[in-house]
Amino acid sequence: MATITDWITHITTDTDGATEGIQVGSAIYPGVGTELYLVIALVVIWLGWHVLQDSSETESLKKLAKKKHGANDHKSNIADW
């Protein structure tokens, strides 16, 4: 059995097929080259989530502001505080 001293050389070098098998220069993991698209998709999802979350919180805060609760109303156990 051969030892590997340099991983890049081992992957990209063809060796004798009868003794050690054939190494072919290929991807180490699936999806090589799609990292940029995945990062872009992640950023779009992340920004979209923040926009949706902000609009949802703004809507619920506006509903609370219309009720004009006082500073101490939470002590009276008001529902939907």
Protein backbone atom coordinates (compact mmCIF):
# COMPACT_ATOMS: atom_id res chain seq x y z
CA MET A 1 0.00 0.00 0.00
CA ALA A 2 1.33 3.40 -0.93
CA THR A 3 1.56 6.34 1.43
CA ILE A 4 0.16 9.73 0.58
CA THR A 5 2.50 12.64 1.17
CA ASP A 6 0.64 15.29 -0.84
CA TRP A 7 -3.14 15.06 -1.13
CA ILE A 8 -3.43 17.34 -4.17
CA THR A 9 -0.81 15.35 -6.08
CA HIS A 10 -2.48 12.11 -5.08
CA ILE A 11 -5.90 13.20 -6.39
CA THR A 12 -4.64 14.72 -9.65
CA THR A 13 -2.12 12.02 -10.60
CA ASP A 14 -2.99 8.87 -12.51
CA THR A 15 -1.29 5.81 -11.07
CA ASP A 16 -0.93 2.25 -12.20
CA GLY A 17 -4.43 0.75 -12.24
CA ALA A 18 -3.29 -2.80 -11.54
CA THR A 19 -1.57 -2.08 -8.24
CA GLU A 20 -3.08 0.98 -6.60
CA GLY A 21 -6.19 1.96 -8.53
CA ILE A 22 -6.61 5.10 -10.58
CA GLN A 23 -6.92 8.49 -8.96
CA VAL A 24 -8.74 11.03 -11.08
CA GLY A 25 -8.73 14.76 -10.47
CA SER A 26 -12.29 15.36 -9.30
CA ALA A 27 -14.35 17.09 -6.68
CA ILE A 28 -13.79 16.14 -3.06
CA TYR A 29 -17.42 16.90 -2.13
CA PRO A 30 -20.64 17.19 -4.14
CA GLY A 31 -21.73 20.62 -5.27
CA VAL A 32 -18.31 22.10 -5.91
CA GLY A 33 -18.75 25.44 -7.63
CA THR A 34 -22.21 26.15 -6.23
CA GLU A 35 -21.00 27.91 -3.08
CA LEU A 36 -21.59 31.40 -4.47
CA TYR A 37 -25.19 30.58 -5.40
CA LEU A 38 -25.81 29.05 -1.98
CA VAL A 39 -24.41 32.13 -0.23
CA ILE A 40 -26.54 34.43 -2.38
CA ALA A 41 -29.64 32.33 -1.63
CA LEU A 42 -28.81 32.39 2.08
CA VAL A 43 -28.42 36.19 2.11
CA VAL A 44 -31.73 36.64 0.24
CA ILE A 45 -33.53 34.33 2.69
CA TRP A 46 -31.90 36.05 5.67
CA LEU A 47 -32.86 39.53 4.47
CA GLY A 48 -36.37 38.38 3.55
CA TRP A 49 -36.88 36.91 7.00
CA HIS A 50 -35.80 40.18 8.62
CA VAL A 51 -38.18 42.19 6.43
CA LEU A 52 -41.10 39.88 7.23
CA GLN A 53 -40.25 39.86 10.93
CA ASP A 54 -40.01 43.66 11.03
CA SER A 55 -43.35 44.15 9.29
CA SER A 56 -45.02 41.62 11.62
CA GLU A 57 -43.63 43.27 14.74
CA THR A 58 -44.53 46.74 13.47
CA GLU A 59 -48.11 45.64 12.87
CA SER A 60 -48.51 44.16 16.35
CA LEU A 61 -46.92 47.22 17.97
CA LYS A 62 -49.30 49.51 16.07
CA LYS A 63 -52.25 47.47 17.37
CA LEU A 64 -50.97 47.86 20.92
CA ALA A 65 -50.39 51.59 20.43
CA LYS A 66 -54.02 52.06 19.30
CA LYS A 67 -55.23 50.58 22.60
CA LYS A 68 -53.36 53.35 24.48
CA HIS A 69 -52.43 51.28 27.51
CA GLY A 70 -51.02 53.15 30.47
CA ALA A 71 -47.68 52.42 32.09
CA ASN A 72 -49.28 50.48 34.95
CA ASP A 73 -52.08 48.68 33.08
CA HIS A 74 -50.10 45.43 33.05
CA LYS A 75 -50.58 45.31 36.84
CA SER A 76 -54.37 45.09 36.37
CA ASN A 77 -54.01 41.82 34.40
CA ILE A 78 -55.40 43.18 31.14
CA ALA A 79 -55.85 40.48 28.50
CA ASP A 80 -53.89 40.83 25.23
CA TRP A 81 -51.32 43.11 26.78
